């Protein structure tokens, strides 16, 4: 799975060993290869990962524009899960994106593309045995197969790769496309401070002259719901400090995207280098992790701690995961379950990260 940061688009795909990383495409050869593949199709379904974030959505928009330029009239962008984060909702609404909810019928007789994720059945509702034609991603995952694969683990954002393609193919950047891609690059790299490479700065230089600055400001400061603020307050109240790690939870919540926002806040506490926040969302335990500690790869931490009971993993600095509650789903509303989950999550993280078994004293 993967996001999310996103999260937020945060990555939740299990990370494997070192793999080949696709090189940049300054000459446009790969962009032309993608263009020709799309031109041979009559219909395209671009599948976003569950709960898509701006990086995924902007990349999907760019790929859809490339396909239409290649002569594909029937293009659908679809997603699973929810678009609940206030910034993601604003992104969809202000940029007037046309999105469909994923349905298996959207895979029949059509080219299928994944953007910002790579694996059928992980952080998407696509059957694990489905055929995928195009994969464009920047997350570390197990080896994947498709007719066209551009997976650059070194890239700071998938939108960076799509910007390169759009530029190489000479597509019109005016209007929402440049705005969407530039906002996605900024957001995915936390304003060019996380996971950024020279390619992100180059992409921004290309996009900036064509972007709508007023729209960028509106996208950057969407209103926060009271429920999100409540969840953040709960995470602050429930925090436990173990060494340089902070573990917290929001209990039961319908605000899934409050988890990465809470983790983003808690990791900035004095003396904290790593923060993991979890919550029970419906019938699933959701986790979000952040780290500023160069010794910690939070994607590997979550994968090692929870990969055997769910799907977890991601980047060095940001990651997430989901664990089905299974037989406990019937008692998900029982507050005693929160205590049980808290104990389980804490013990797994303590063991994986070799943390102190007792909560540290905060100054």
Protein backbone atom coordinates (compact mmCIF):
# COMPACT_ATOMS: atom_id res chain seq x y z
CA UNK A 1 0.00 0.00 0.00
CA UNK A 2 1.07 3.54 -0.11
CA UNK A 3 0.83 8.54 1.04
CA UNK A 4 0.32 9.33 2.25
CA UNK A 5 1.10 11.04 3.37
CA UNK A 6 -0.61 10.23 1.33
CA UNK A 7 -1.66 11.40 2.47
CA UNK A 8 -1.58 13.05 2.61
CA UNK A 9 -0.59 10.61 0.03
CA UNK A 10 1.83 8.71 2.18
CA UNK A 11 3.53 5.47 0.99
CA UNK A 12 2.37 2.24 2.53
CA UNK A 13 3.87 -0.29 0.15
CA UNK A 14 6.28 -2.75 1.69
CA UNK A 15 9.82 -1.82 0.75
CA UNK A 16 12.17 -4.39 -0.69
CA UNK A 17 15.88 -4.45 -1.43
CA UNK A 18 17.74 -2.01 -3.66
CA UNK A 19 16.33 -1.86 -7.18
CA UNK A 20 16.98 -0.12 -10.44
CA UNK A 21 15.91 3.49 -10.56
CA UNK A 22 14.79 4.88 -13.89
CA UNK A 23 17.00 7.75 -15.09
CA UNK A 24 15.84 11.21 -16.01
CA UNK A 25 14.57 11.64 -19.54
CA UNK A 26 16.05 14.92 -20.79
CA UNK A 27 15.81 13.84 -24.42
CA UNK A 28 12.19 12.81 -24.14
CA UNK A 29 12.71 9.21 -25.32
CA UNK A 30 10.67 7.71 -22.50
CA UNK A 31 8.03 10.41 -22.85
CA UNK A 32 7.65 9.53 -26.52
CA UNK A 33 7.52 5.83 -25.67
CA UNK A 34 4.66 6.51 -23.26
CA UNK A 35 2.91 8.75 -25.79
CA UNK A 36 3.08 6.08 -28.51
CA UNK A 37 1.73 3.41 -26.15
CA UNK A 38 -1.22 5.60 -25.23
CA UNK A 39 -1.86 6.50 -28.87
CA UNK A 40 -2.39 2.81 -29.65
CA UNK A 41 -5.25 2.57 -27.14
CA UNK A 42 -8.88 3.60 -27.46
CA UNK A 43 -9.63 4.12 -23.78
CA UNK A 44 -7.58 4.76 -20.65
CA UNK A 45 -8.30 4.34 -16.95
CA UNK A 46 -5.92 6.19 -14.64
CA UNK A 47 -6.16 4.61 -11.20
CA UNK A 48 -5.19 6.77 -8.24
CA UNK A 49 -4.24 5.14 -4.97
CA UNK A 50 -6.78 5.08 -2.16
CA UNK A 51 -7.39 8.41 -0.46
CA UNK A 52 -5.41 10.24 -3.18
CA UNK A 53 -3.24 13.25 -2.35
CA UNK A 54 -2.20 16.17 -4.60
CA UNK A 55 0.86 14.34 -5.95
CA UNK A 56 -1.28 11.45 -7.13
CA UNK A 57 -4.12 13.65 -8.41
CA UNK A 58 -1.88 16.07 -10.29
CA UNK A 59 0.04 13.19 -11.85
CA UNK A 60 -3.23 11.59 -12.94
CA UNK A 61 -4.39 14.88 -14.47
CA UNK A 62 -1.12 15.22 -16.39
CA UNK A 63 -1.25 11.65 -17.68
CA UNK A 64 -4.87 12.15 -18.76
CA UNK A 65 -3.87 15.29 -20.69
CA UNK A 66 -1.02 13.40 -22.37
CA UNK A 67 -3.44 10.64 -23.39
CA UNK A 68 -5.96 13.08 -24.81
CA UNK A 69 -3.20 14.79 -26.76
CA UNK A 70 -2.28 11.35 -28.13
CA UNK A 71 -5.84 10.93 -29.42
CA UNK A 72 -7.47 8.97 -26.60
CA UNK A 73 -10.94 10.47 -26.15
CA UNK A 74 -12.21 8.10 -23.46
CA UNK A 75 -10.11 8.86 -20.37
CA UNK A 76 -11.28 8.20 -16.81
CA UNK A 77 -9.47 9.10 -13.59
CA UNK A 78 -10.68 7.01 -10.67
CA UNK A 79 -9.85 6.45 -7.02
CA UNK A 80 -10.78 4.38 -3.99
CA UNK A 81 -11.23 5.33 -0.37
CA UNK A 82 -12.11 8.92 0.50
CA UNK A 83 -10.94 12.40 -0.32
CA UNK A 84 -11.28 13.70 3.21
CA UNK A 85 -8.16 15.77 3.90
CA UNK A 86 -9.19 19.43 3.63
CA UNK A 87 -6.29 20.18 1.29
CA UNK A 88 -7.15 17.25 -0.98
CA UNK A 89 -10.80 18.31 -1.11
CA UNK A 90 -9.77 21.85 -1.97
CA UNK A 91 -7.46 20.52 -4.68
CA UNK A 92 -10.29 18.59 -6.34
CA UNK A 93 -12.88 21.33 -5.98
CA UNK A 94 -10.82 24.40 -6.87
CA UNK A 95 -9.19 22.74 -9.87
CA UNK A 96 -12.51 21.20 -10.94
CA UNK A 97 -11.15 17.68 -11.33
CA UNK A 98 -13.47 15.05 -12.81
CA UNK A 99 -13.04 11.85 -10.82
CA UNK A 100 -14.92 8.55 -10.71
CA UNK A 101 -15.02 6.05 -7.89
CA UNK A 102 -13.14 2.92 -8.81
CA UNK A 103 -15.17 0.01 -10.23
CA UNK A 104 -13.79 -3.25 -11.68
CA UNK A 105 -15.61 -2.51 -14.93
CA UNK A 106 -13.20 0.37 -15.53
CA UNK A 107 -10.46 -2.20 -16.16
CA UNK A 108 -12.27 -4.04 -18.96
CA UNK A 109 -10.96 -3.50 -22.49
CA UNK A 110 -9.02 -0.38 -21.53
CA UNK A 111 -5.43 0.64 -20.96
CA UNK A 112 -4.83 0.82 -17.21
CA UNK A 113 -2.35 3.22 -15.61
CA UNK A 114 -1.16 3.63 -12.03
CA UNK A 115 0.31 6.94 -10.88
CA UNK A 116 2.03 7.44 -7.51
CA UNK A 117 1.59 3.74 -6.67
CA UNK A 118 2.65 0.52 -8.31
CA UNK A 119 1.09 -2.68 -7.06
CA UNK A 120 -2.42 -4.01 -7.75
CA UNK A 121 -4.23 -4.77 -4.52
CA UNK A 122 -1.98 -2.57 -2.36
CA UNK A 123 -3.58 0.73 -1.40
CA UNK A 124 -6.08 0.29 -4.21
CA UNK A 125 -9.06 -1.93 -4.93
CA UNK A 126 -7.61 -3.32 -8.16
CA UNK A 127 -7.47 -7.16 -8.14
CA UNK A 128 -3.95 -8.41 -7.41
CA UNK A 129 -3.89 -10.36 -10.68
CA UNK A 130 -4.96 -7.42 -12.85
CA UNK A 131 -2.84 -6.33 -15.79
CA UNK A 132 -1.43 -2.81 -15.57
CA UNK A 133 -0.11 -1.12 -18.72
CA UNK A 134 1.53 2.01 -17.29
CA UNK A 135 3.21 2.60 -13.92
CA UNK A 136 4.72 5.96 -12.99
CA UNK A 137 5.77 6.23 -9.37
CA UNK A 138 8.46 7.36 -6.95
CA UNK A 139 7.80 5.04 -4.02
CA UNK A 140 9.98 2.11 -2.96
CA UNK A 141 8.05 -1.11 -3.56
CA UNK A 142 8.54 -4.69 -4.62
CA UNK A 143 9.40 -5.27 -8.28
CA UNK A 144 6.45 -4.53 -10.57
CA UNK A 145 5.55 -5.36 -14.15
CA UNK A 146 3.81 -3.32 -16.83
CA UNK A 147 4.28 -2.45 -20.48
CA UNK A 148 5.66 0.90 -19.41
CA UNK A 149 7.34 1.45 -16.02
CA UNK A 150 9.04 4.61 -14.80
CA UNK A 151 9.63 4.22 -11.08
CA UNK A 152 12.16 6.71 -9.73
CA UNK A 153 12.80 6.16 -6.05
CA UNK A 154 15.19 9.11 -6.08
CA UNK A 155 12.51 11.56 -7.21
CA UNK A 156 10.86 13.76 -4.61
CA UNK A 157 7.44 13.54 -6.28
CA UNK A 158 5.67 11.64 -9.03
CA UNK A 159 4.53 15.03 -10.32
CA UNK A 160 8.19 15.80 -11.06
CA UNK A 161 8.31 12.90 -13.52
CA UNK A 162 5.04 13.94 -15.18
CA UNK A 163 6.28 17.52 -15.48
CA UNK A 164 9.29 16.20 -17.36
CA UNK A 165 7.01 14.30 -19.75
CA UNK A 166 4.64 17.22 -20.31
CA UNK A 167 7.57 19.50 -21.06
CA UNK A 168 9.26 17.01 -23.39
CA UNK A 169 6.02 16.49 -25.34
CA UNK A 170 5.31 20.20 -25.63
CA UNK A 171 1.88 20.12 -23.99
CA UNK A 172 0.16 23.36 -23.02
CA UNK A 173 0.90 24.11 -19.37
CA UNK A 174 -1.32 27.15 -19.00
CA UNK A 175 -4.06 27.03 -16.44
CA UNK A 176 -4.79 24.24 -14.03
CA UNK A 177 -2.18 21.72 -15.23
CA UNK A 178 0.82 23.84 -14.22
CA UNK A 179 -0.93 24.91 -11.03
CA UNK A 180 -1.76 21.32 -10.09
CA UNK A 181 1.73 19.99 -10.79
CA UNK A 182 3.53 22.85 -9.02
CA UNK A 183 1.34 22.57 -5.93
CA UNK A 184 1.88 18.80 -5.89
CA UNK A 185 5.65 19.14 -6.04
CA UNK A 186 5.61 21.75 -3.27
CA UNK A 187 3.28 19.72 -1.06
CA UNK A 188 5.01 16.38 -1.54
CA UNK A 189 8.37 17.89 -0.57
CA UNK A 190 6.95 20.07 2.24
CA UNK A 191 7.94 23.24 0.44
CA UNK A 192 11.18 21.78 -0.98
CA UNK A 193 12.41 20.67 2.46
CA UNK A 194 11.74 16.90 2.40
CA UNK A 195 13.09 14.40 -0.11
CA UNK A 196 13.81 17.16 -2.59
CA UNK A 197 16.24 16.72 -5.49
CA UNK A 198 17.46 19.12 -8.18
CA UNK A 199 14.71 17.70 -10.41
CA UNK A 200 12.02 19.24 -8.19
CA UNK A 201 13.60 22.68 -8.48
CA UNK A 202 13.88 22.24 -12.25
CA UNK A 203 10.22 21.22 -12.43
CA UNK A 204 9.20 24.25 -10.37
CA UNK A 205 11.16 26.55 -12.70
CA UNK A 206 9.28 25.10 -15.67
CA UNK A 207 5.85 25.28 -14.02
CA UNK A 208 6.00 28.58 -12.16
CA UNK A 209 5.55 30.94 -15.13
CA UNK A 210 2.33 29.13 -16.11
CA UNK A 211 0.79 28.57 -12.67
CA UNK A 212 -2.02 30.56 -11.08
CA UNK A 213 -0.43 32.12 -7.99
CA UNK A 214 -3.77 33.11 -6.46
CA UNK A 215 -4.97 29.55 -6.79
CA UNK A 216 -1.75 28.24 -5.24
CA UNK A 217 -2.36 30.43 -2.18
CA UNK A 218 -5.93 29.16 -1.83
CA UNK A 219 -4.77 25.56 -2.11
CA UNK A 220 -2.08 26.11 0.51
CA UNK A 221 -4.47 27.40 3.20
CA UNK A 222 -7.75 25.45 3.11
CA UNK A 223 -10.07 25.66 6.14
CA UNK A 224 -9.55 23.03 8.84
CA UNK A 225 -12.64 21.20 10.12
CA UNK A 226 -13.49 21.12 13.80
CA UNK A 227 -13.24 17.33 13.73
CA UNK A 228 -9.67 17.54 12.45
CA UNK A 229 -8.77 20.04 15.16
CA UNK A 230 -10.35 17.75 17.78
CA UNK A 231 -8.35 14.77 16.50
CA UNK A 232 -5.12 16.77 16.66
CA UNK A 233 -5.93 17.79 20.22
CA UNK A 234 -6.57 14.16 21.15
CA UNK A 235 -3.24 13.10 19.64
CA UNK A 236 -1.46 15.77 21.66
CA UNK A 237 -3.19 14.66 24.87
CA UNK A 238 -2.46 10.96 24.28
CA UNK A 239 1.22 11.31 23.39
CA UNK A 240 3.81 9.06 24.99
CA UNK A 241 7.48 9.91 24.72
CA UNK A 242 9.86 6.96 24.62
CA UNK A 243 13.42 8.12 24.14
CA UNK A 244 13.33 10.32 21.04
CA UNK A 245 10.13 8.73 19.73
CA UNK A 246 6.56 9.91 20.26
CA UNK A 247 3.71 7.40 20.03
CA UNK A 248 0.13 8.63 20.15
CA UNK A 249 -3.40 7.87 18.99
CA UNK A 250 -6.67 9.63 18.22
CA UNK A 251 -8.91 6.74 19.25
CA UNK A 252 -11.91 6.22 16.98
CA UNK A 253 -12.09 8.79 14.22
CA UNK A 254 -13.69 9.46 10.88
CA UNK A 255 -10.90 11.92 10.10
CA UNK A 256 -8.31 9.57 8.61
CA UNK A 257 -6.24 12.47 7.33
CA UNK A 258 -5.90 13.87 10.83
CA UNK A 259 -3.36 11.10 11.49
CA UNK A 260 -0.58 12.37 9.18
CA UNK A 261 -1.34 15.94 10.23
CA UNK A 262 -0.94 14.91 13.87
CA UNK A 263 2.29 13.07 13.09
CA UNK A 264 3.60 16.15 11.26
CA UNK A 265 2.92 18.23 14.36
CA UNK A 266 4.24 15.82 16.99
CA UNK A 267 7.52 15.14 15.20
CA UNK A 268 8.35 18.83 15.68
CA UNK A 269 8.19 18.58 19.50
CA UNK A 270 11.44 19.36 21.25
CA UNK A 271 13.46 16.19 21.78
CA UNK A 272 11.32 14.15 19.38
CA UNK A 273 12.86 12.72 16.22
CA UNK A 274 10.19 10.21 15.27
CA UNK A 275 6.40 10.27 15.69
CA UNK A 276 3.84 7.54 15.02
CA UNK A 277 0.12 8.25 15.34
CA UNK A 278 -2.62 5.68 14.96
CA UNK A 279 -6.39 5.62 15.01
CA UNK A 280 -9.30 3.26 14.40
CA UNK A 281 -11.09 4.25 11.20
CA UNK A 282 -14.09 2.04 10.56
CA UNK A 283 -12.84 -1.54 10.59
CA UNK A 284 -9.18 -0.67 10.10
CA UNK A 285 -6.28 0.42 12.26
CA UNK A 286 -4.59 3.29 10.41
CA UNK A 287 -1.02 4.41 11.17
CA UNK A 288 1.05 7.40 10.13
CA UNK A 289 4.73 7.93 10.83
CA UNK A 290 7.16 10.80 10.44
CA UNK A 291 10.84 11.15 11.30
CA UNK A 292 13.56 13.77 11.19
CA UNK A 293 16.12 11.35 12.63
CA UNK A 294 18.71 10.41 10.01
CA UNK A 295 19.25 7.09 11.80
CA UNK A 296 15.62 6.05 11.30
CA UNK A 297 13.93 4.88 8.09
CA UNK A 298 10.29 5.18 9.15
CA UNK A 299 9.06 3.19 6.14
CA UNK A 300 11.18 0.22 7.19
CA UNK A 301 10.14 0.65 10.82
CA UNK A 302 6.43 0.42 10.04
CA UNK A 303 6.97 -2.39 7.56
CA UNK A 304 8.97 -4.42 10.09
CA UNK A 305 6.53 -3.70 12.92
CA UNK A 306 3.23 -4.26 11.12
CA UNK A 307 3.91 -5.86 7.74
CA UNK A 308 3.05 -9.32 9.09
CA UNK A 309 -0.47 -8.29 10.11
CA UNK A 310 -1.27 -5.63 7.53
CA UNK A 311 0.33 -3.45 4.90
CA UNK A 312 2.83 -0.81 5.95
CA UNK A 313 5.94 0.99 4.77
CA UNK A 314 7.00 4.00 2.77
CA UNK A 315 9.76 6.58 2.56
CA UNK A 316 12.64 7.27 4.92
CA UNK A 317 10.95 10.34 6.41
CA UNK A 318 7.23 9.55 6.00
CA UNK A 319 5.21 6.36 5.93
CA UNK A 320 1.92 4.80 6.87
CA UNK A 321 0.03 1.58 7.17
CA UNK A 322 -3.29 -0.16 7.55
CA UNK A 323 -4.11 -3.20 9.65
CA UNK A 324 -7.54 -4.84 9.28
CA UNK A 325 -9.22 -5.35 12.63
CA UNK A 326 -10.60 -8.68 11.45
CA UNK A 327 -12.61 -10.45 14.15
CA UNK A 328 -12.27 -7.36 16.36
CA UNK A 329 -14.22 -5.25 13.86
CA UNK A 330 -17.47 -6.31 15.54
CA UNK A 331 -16.35 -4.59 18.73
CA UNK A 332 -14.61 -1.66 17.06
CA UNK A 333 -16.88 0.79 18.86
CA UNK A 334 -15.86 -0.63 22.25
CA UNK A 335 -13.43 1.75 23.93
CA UNK A 336 -11.63 -1.25 25.43
CA UNK A 337 -10.41 -2.03 21.91
CA UNK A 338 -8.52 1.27 21.85
CA UNK A 339 -6.56 0.23 24.92
CA UNK A 340 -5.76 -3.15 23.42
CA UNK A 341 -4.66 -1.60 20.13
CA UNK A 342 -2.57 1.01 21.95
CA UNK A 343 -0.73 -1.68 23.88
CA UNK A 344 -0.15 -3.75 20.74
CA UNK A 345 1.08 -0.83 18.62
CA UNK A 346 3.37 0.45 21.37
CA UNK A 347 4.91 -2.96 22.08
CA UNK A 348 5.60 -3.61 18.40
CA UNK A 349 7.23 -0.20 17.95
CA UNK A 350 9.24 -0.55 21.16
CA UNK A 351 10.59 -3.88 19.98
CA UNK A 352 11.26 -2.79 16.39
CA UNK A 353 12.94 0.50 17.30
CA UNK A 354 14.55 -0.73 20.52
CA UNK A 355 12.82 2.02 22.49
CA UNK A 356 12.65 2.41 26.28
CA UNK A 357 9.87 0.27 27.72
CA UNK A 358 8.77 3.06 30.04
CA UNK A 359 7.47 6.46 29.01
CA UNK A 360 10.09 9.20 29.28
CA UNK A 361 9.61 12.28 31.43
CA UNK A 362 8.89 15.43 29.41
CA UNK A 363 10.33 18.70 30.51
